[in-house]
């Protein structure tokens, strides 16, 4: 199993707009081999931003990497630049391979 996460610092007051972008996004993930599940997580807030993480679970790291090179990936991210005013800086990627499962 491979977990892929992107952490976003969303400008305070833009949380609803950020969530709406994700609600209306045509991710096509369900059509991608190896994809298991997706979650958008909302974390703590401070005076400047609210922390979010997109969280996907894949069968393998290779399945995730294949997706990042696919037409599905390009289509899902084609308008990402239009949302830059919602963030403080770019998203921060974190990837994890399972070493124990219960």
N, C-alpha and C. Protein backbone atom coordinates (compact mmCIF):
# COMPACT_ATOMS: atom_id res chain seq x y z
N UNK A 1 0.84 -1.18 0.00
CA UNK A 1 0.00 0.00 0.00
C UNK A 1 0.88 1.24 0.00
N UNK A 2 0.43 2.28 -0.70
CA UNK A 2 1.14 3.56 -0.75
C UNK A 2 0.13 4.66 -0.47
N UNK A 3 0.51 5.58 0.43
CA UNK A 3 -0.33 6.73 0.78
C UNK A 3 0.35 7.97 0.22
N UNK A 4 -0.39 8.74 -0.57
CA UNK A 4 0.10 9.99 -1.15
C UNK A 4 -0.70 11.14 -0.56
N UNK A 5 0.02 12.13 -0.02
CA UNK A 5 -0.65 13.27 0.60
C UNK A 5 -0.04 14.57 0.08
N UNK A 6 -0.91 15.54 -0.14
CA UNK A 6 -0.47 16.90 -0.42
C UNK A 6 -1.05 17.79 0.66
N UNK A 7 -0.19 18.57 1.30
CA UNK A 7 -0.62 19.49 2.36
C UNK A 7 -0.75 20.89 1.77
N UNK A 8 -1.86 21.54 2.07
CA UNK A 8 -2.16 22.87 1.55
C UNK A 8 -2.37 23.83 2.72
N UNK A 9 -1.77 25.00 2.64
CA UNK A 9 -2.04 26.07 3.58
C UNK A 9 -3.01 27.02 2.87
N UNK A 10 -4.28 26.95 3.27
CA UNK A 10 -5.33 27.72 2.62
C UNK A 10 -5.53 29.03 3.36
N UNK A 11 -5.51 30.12 2.60
CA UNK A 11 -5.68 31.46 3.18
C UNK A 11 -6.97 31.51 4.00
N UNK A 12 -6.88 32.03 5.23
CA UNK A 12 -8.07 32.17 6.08
C UNK A 12 -9.16 32.92 5.33
N UNK A 13 -10.37 32.40 5.42
CA UNK A 13 -11.50 32.99 4.73
C UNK A 13 -11.75 32.38 3.36
N UNK A 14 -10.82 31.54 2.88
CA UNK A 14 -10.95 30.91 1.56
C UNK A 14 -11.25 29.41 1.66
N UNK A 15 -11.55 28.94 2.87
CA UNK A 15 -11.77 27.51 3.07
C UNK A 15 -12.93 26.97 2.23
N UNK A 16 -14.04 27.68 2.23
CA UNK A 16 -15.20 27.20 1.47
C UNK A 16 -14.90 27.15 -0.03
N UNK A 17 -14.23 28.16 -0.55
CA UNK A 17 -13.85 28.17 -1.96
C UNK A 17 -12.92 27.00 -2.29
N UNK A 18 -11.96 26.73 -1.40
CA UNK A 18 -11.02 25.62 -1.59
C UNK A 18 -11.78 24.29 -1.62
N UNK A 19 -12.67 24.10 -0.66
CA UNK A 19 -13.44 22.85 -0.61
C UNK A 19 -14.32 22.70 -1.85
N UNK A 20 -14.87 23.80 -2.34
CA UNK A 20 -15.71 23.77 -3.53
C UNK A 20 -14.91 23.33 -4.76
N UNK A 21 -13.67 23.79 -4.87
CA UNK A 21 -12.81 23.35 -5.97
C UNK A 21 -12.71 21.83 -5.96
N UNK A 22 -12.51 21.24 -4.79
CA UNK A 22 -12.35 19.79 -4.69
C UNK A 22 -13.67 19.08 -4.94
N UNK A 23 -14.80 19.65 -4.48
CA UNK A 23 -16.10 19.04 -4.72
C UNK A 23 -16.42 18.94 -6.20
N UNK A 24 -16.03 19.94 -6.97
CA UNK A 24 -16.38 20.02 -8.39
C UNK A 24 -15.31 19.48 -9.32
N UNK A 25 -14.25 18.95 -8.77
CA UNK A 25 -13.12 18.47 -9.56
C UNK A 25 -13.43 17.13 -10.23
N UNK A 26 -13.04 17.01 -11.49
CA UNK A 26 -13.20 15.76 -12.22
C UNK A 26 -11.89 14.98 -12.10
N UNK A 27 -11.73 14.25 -11.01
CA UNK A 27 -10.44 13.61 -10.71
C UNK A 27 -10.17 12.38 -11.56
N UNK A 28 -11.21 11.66 -11.94
CA UNK A 28 -11.09 10.42 -12.72
C UNK A 28 -10.33 9.33 -11.97
N UNK A 29 -10.13 9.49 -10.68
CA UNK A 29 -9.35 8.50 -9.93
C UNK A 29 -9.98 7.12 -9.95
N UNK A 30 -11.30 7.05 -9.94
CA UNK A 30 -11.96 5.74 -9.91
C UNK A 30 -11.61 4.90 -11.14
N UNK A 31 -11.15 5.54 -12.22
CA UNK A 31 -10.81 4.84 -13.45
C UNK A 31 -9.34 4.41 -13.51
N UNK A 32 -8.58 4.74 -12.47
CA UNK A 32 -7.14 4.53 -12.51
C UNK A 32 -6.76 3.21 -11.82
N UNK A 33 -6.03 2.32 -12.51
CA UNK A 33 -5.59 1.07 -11.88
C UNK A 33 -4.76 1.33 -10.63
N UNK A 34 -5.08 0.61 -9.57
CA UNK A 34 -4.32 0.72 -8.32
C UNK A 34 -4.86 1.73 -7.33
N UNK A 35 -5.77 2.59 -7.76
CA UNK A 35 -6.36 3.58 -6.84
C UNK A 35 -7.32 2.88 -5.89
N UNK A 36 -7.25 3.26 -4.60
CA UNK A 36 -8.12 2.65 -3.58
C UNK A 36 -9.14 3.64 -3.02
N UNK A 37 -8.67 4.79 -2.49
CA UNK A 37 -9.59 5.73 -1.87
C UNK A 37 -8.98 7.13 -1.78
N UNK A 38 -9.85 8.12 -1.62
CA UNK A 38 -9.45 9.52 -1.51
C UNK A 38 -10.17 10.16 -0.33
N UNK A 39 -9.47 11.06 0.36
CA UNK A 39 -10.08 11.90 1.40
C UNK A 39 -9.47 13.29 1.31
N UNK A 40 -10.30 14.30 1.56
CA UNK A 40 -9.80 15.66 1.76
C UNK A 40 -9.96 15.93 3.24
N UNK A 41 -8.85 16.22 3.90
CA UNK A 41 -8.83 16.39 5.36
C UNK A 41 -8.61 17.86 5.71
N UNK A 42 -9.33 18.32 6.72
CA UNK A 42 -9.19 19.70 7.21
C UNK A 42 -8.54 19.65 8.58
N UNK A 43 -7.49 20.47 8.74
CA UNK A 43 -6.75 20.47 9.99
C UNK A 43 -6.91 21.77 10.76
N UNK A 44 -5.88 22.09 11.49
CA UNK A 44 -5.88 23.26 12.38
C UNK A 44 -5.80 24.56 11.59
N UNK A 45 -6.27 25.62 12.25
CA UNK A 45 -6.20 26.97 11.68
C UNK A 45 -5.38 27.86 12.59
N UNK A 46 -4.78 28.88 11.98
CA UNK A 46 -4.16 29.95 12.75
C UNK A 46 -4.61 31.28 12.12
N UNK A 47 -4.00 32.38 12.49
CA UNK A 47 -4.42 33.68 11.96
C UNK A 47 -4.23 33.80 10.46
N UNK A 48 -3.31 33.02 9.90
CA UNK A 48 -2.92 33.14 8.50
C UNK A 48 -3.59 32.14 7.56
N UNK A 49 -3.73 30.88 8.03
CA UNK A 49 -4.20 29.82 7.14
C UNK A 49 -4.88 28.68 7.89
N UNK A 50 -5.56 27.85 7.11
CA UNK A 50 -6.11 26.58 7.58
C UNK A 50 -5.40 25.47 6.82
N UNK A 51 -4.98 24.45 7.53
CA UNK A 51 -4.25 23.35 6.93
C UNK A 51 -5.23 22.31 6.37
N UNK A 52 -4.98 21.87 5.15
CA UNK A 52 -5.73 20.79 4.51
C UNK A 52 -4.74 19.77 3.99
N UNK A 53 -5.22 18.54 3.81
CA UNK A 53 -4.41 17.51 3.14
C UNK A 53 -5.31 16.70 2.22
N UNK A 54 -4.87 16.51 1.00
CA UNK A 54 -5.51 15.52 0.12
C UNK A 54 -4.78 14.21 0.40
N UNK A 55 -5.53 13.14 0.51
CA UNK A 55 -5.00 11.86 0.99
C UNK A 55 -5.53 10.76 0.08
N UNK A 56 -4.65 10.13 -0.67
CA UNK A 56 -5.07 9.01 -1.51
C UNK A 56 -4.32 7.75 -1.11
N UNK A 57 -5.00 6.63 -1.24
CA UNK A 57 -4.40 5.33 -0.96
C UNK A 57 -4.37 4.55 -2.26
N UNK A 58 -3.20 3.98 -2.53
CA UNK A 58 -2.93 3.24 -3.75
C UNK A 58 -2.49 1.83 -3.41
N UNK A 59 -2.68 0.91 -4.32
CA UNK A 59 -2.22 -0.46 -4.12
C UNK A 59 -0.72 -0.54 -4.00
N UNK A 60 0.00 0.27 -4.81
CA UNK A 60 1.46 0.27 -4.80
C UNK A 60 1.97 1.67 -5.14
N UNK A 61 3.22 1.91 -4.81
CA UNK A 61 3.87 3.17 -5.21
C UNK A 61 3.89 3.28 -6.74
N UNK A 62 4.14 2.16 -7.41
CA UNK A 62 4.19 2.17 -8.88
C UNK A 62 2.84 2.60 -9.47
N UNK A 63 1.73 2.17 -8.89
CA UNK A 63 0.41 2.59 -9.39
C UNK A 63 0.25 4.10 -9.26
N UNK A 64 0.69 4.67 -8.12
CA UNK A 64 0.63 6.12 -7.93
C UNK A 64 1.51 6.82 -8.97
N UNK A 65 2.73 6.35 -9.13
CA UNK A 65 3.65 6.99 -10.07
C UNK A 65 3.15 6.90 -11.51
N UNK A 66 2.54 5.77 -11.86
CA UNK A 66 1.95 5.64 -13.20
C UNK A 66 0.85 6.68 -13.39
N UNK A 67 0.03 6.89 -12.37
CA UNK A 67 -1.05 7.89 -12.46
C UNK A 67 -0.48 9.28 -12.69
N UNK A 68 0.64 9.62 -12.01
CA UNK A 68 1.20 10.97 -12.16
C UNK A 68 1.72 11.22 -13.57
N UNK A 69 1.90 10.17 -14.35
CA UNK A 69 2.39 10.31 -15.74
C UNK A 69 1.26 10.13 -16.76
N UNK A 70 0.02 10.03 -16.27
CA UNK A 70 -1.09 9.68 -17.14
C UNK A 70 -1.89 10.89 -17.64
N UNK A 71 -2.70 10.63 -18.64
CA UNK A 71 -3.64 11.65 -19.15
C UNK A 71 -4.67 11.99 -18.07
N UNK A 72 -5.07 11.02 -17.26
CA UNK A 72 -6.01 11.28 -16.16
C UNK A 72 -5.44 12.34 -15.21
N UNK A 73 -4.16 12.22 -14.89
CA UNK A 73 -3.50 13.18 -14.01
C UNK A 73 -3.49 14.58 -14.64
N UNK A 74 -3.09 14.66 -15.89
CA UNK A 74 -3.03 15.97 -16.58
C UNK A 74 -4.42 16.61 -16.62
N UNK A 75 -5.44 15.82 -16.91
CA UNK A 75 -6.80 16.36 -16.97
C UNK A 75 -7.28 16.84 -15.60
N UNK A 76 -6.94 16.10 -14.55
CA UNK A 76 -7.38 16.46 -13.20
C UNK A 76 -6.70 17.72 -12.68
N UNK A 77 -5.51 18.03 -13.20
CA UNK A 77 -4.73 19.16 -12.70
C UNK A 77 -4.65 20.33 -13.68
N UNK A 78 -5.37 20.28 -14.79
CA UNK A 78 -5.22 21.29 -15.84
C UNK A 78 -5.55 22.70 -15.39
N UNK A 79 -6.45 22.87 -14.42
CA UNK A 79 -6.84 24.21 -13.97
C UNK A 79 -6.26 24.57 -12.60
N UNK A 80 -5.33 23.80 -12.12
CA UNK A 80 -4.79 24.00 -10.76
C UNK A 80 -4.20 25.40 -10.57
N UNK A 81 -3.57 25.95 -11.58
CA UNK A 81 -2.96 27.27 -11.46
C UNK A 81 -3.95 28.39 -11.18
N UNK A 82 -5.20 28.19 -11.56
CA UNK A 82 -6.23 29.21 -11.33
C UNK A 82 -6.57 29.37 -9.85
N UNK A 83 -6.17 28.40 -9.04
CA UNK A 83 -6.54 28.41 -7.62
C UNK A 83 -5.42 28.93 -6.72
N UNK A 84 -4.30 29.39 -7.29
CA UNK A 84 -3.17 29.85 -6.49
C UNK A 84 -3.53 30.90 -5.44
N UNK A 85 -4.47 31.82 -5.71
CA UNK A 85 -4.81 32.81 -4.68
C UNK A 85 -5.40 32.21 -3.40
N UNK A 86 -5.82 30.95 -3.46
CA UNK A 86 -6.39 30.30 -2.27
C UNK A 86 -5.32 29.81 -1.31
N UNK A 87 -4.07 29.65 -1.78
CA UNK A 87 -3.01 29.01 -1.00
C UNK A 87 -1.93 29.98 -0.57
N UNK A 88 -1.24 29.61 0.51
CA UNK A 88 0.02 30.25 0.88
C UNK A 88 1.12 29.30 0.44
N UNK A 89 1.69 29.55 -0.71
CA UNK A 89 2.74 28.68 -1.24
C UNK A 89 2.17 27.46 -1.92
N UNK A 90 3.05 26.66 -2.51
CA UNK A 90 2.62 25.44 -3.21
C UNK A 90 2.28 24.34 -2.22
N UNK A 91 1.53 23.32 -2.66
CA UNK A 91 1.28 22.18 -1.78
C UNK A 91 2.57 21.44 -1.48
N UNK A 92 2.61 20.76 -0.34
CA UNK A 92 3.77 19.97 0.06
C UNK A 92 3.41 18.50 -0.04
N UNK A 93 4.12 17.77 -0.91
CA UNK A 93 3.84 16.35 -1.10
C UNK A 93 4.55 15.50 -0.04
N UNK A 94 3.85 14.46 0.40
CA UNK A 94 4.42 13.45 1.29
C UNK A 94 3.93 12.09 0.82
N UNK A 95 4.82 11.14 0.65
CA UNK A 95 4.45 9.79 0.24
C UNK A 95 4.93 8.76 1.25
N UNK A 96 4.10 7.76 1.51
CA UNK A 96 4.42 6.76 2.53
C UNK A 96 4.10 5.36 2.01
N UNK A 97 5.04 4.44 2.18
CA UNK A 97 4.79 3.04 1.87
C UNK A 97 4.48 2.30 3.17
N UNK A 98 3.48 1.43 3.11
CA UNK A 98 3.10 0.67 4.30
C UNK A 98 4.20 -0.34 4.64
N UNK A 99 4.56 -0.38 5.90
CA UNK A 99 5.51 -1.38 6.38
C UNK A 99 4.84 -2.38 7.30
N UNK A 100 3.71 -1.98 7.89
CA UNK A 100 2.89 -2.87 8.72
C UNK A 100 1.43 -2.59 8.42
N UNK A 101 0.64 -3.64 8.34
CA UNK A 101 -0.80 -3.47 8.16
C UNK A 101 -1.50 -4.37 9.16
N UNK A 102 -2.62 -3.89 9.68
CA UNK A 102 -3.30 -4.65 10.71
C UNK A 102 -4.66 -4.97 10.42
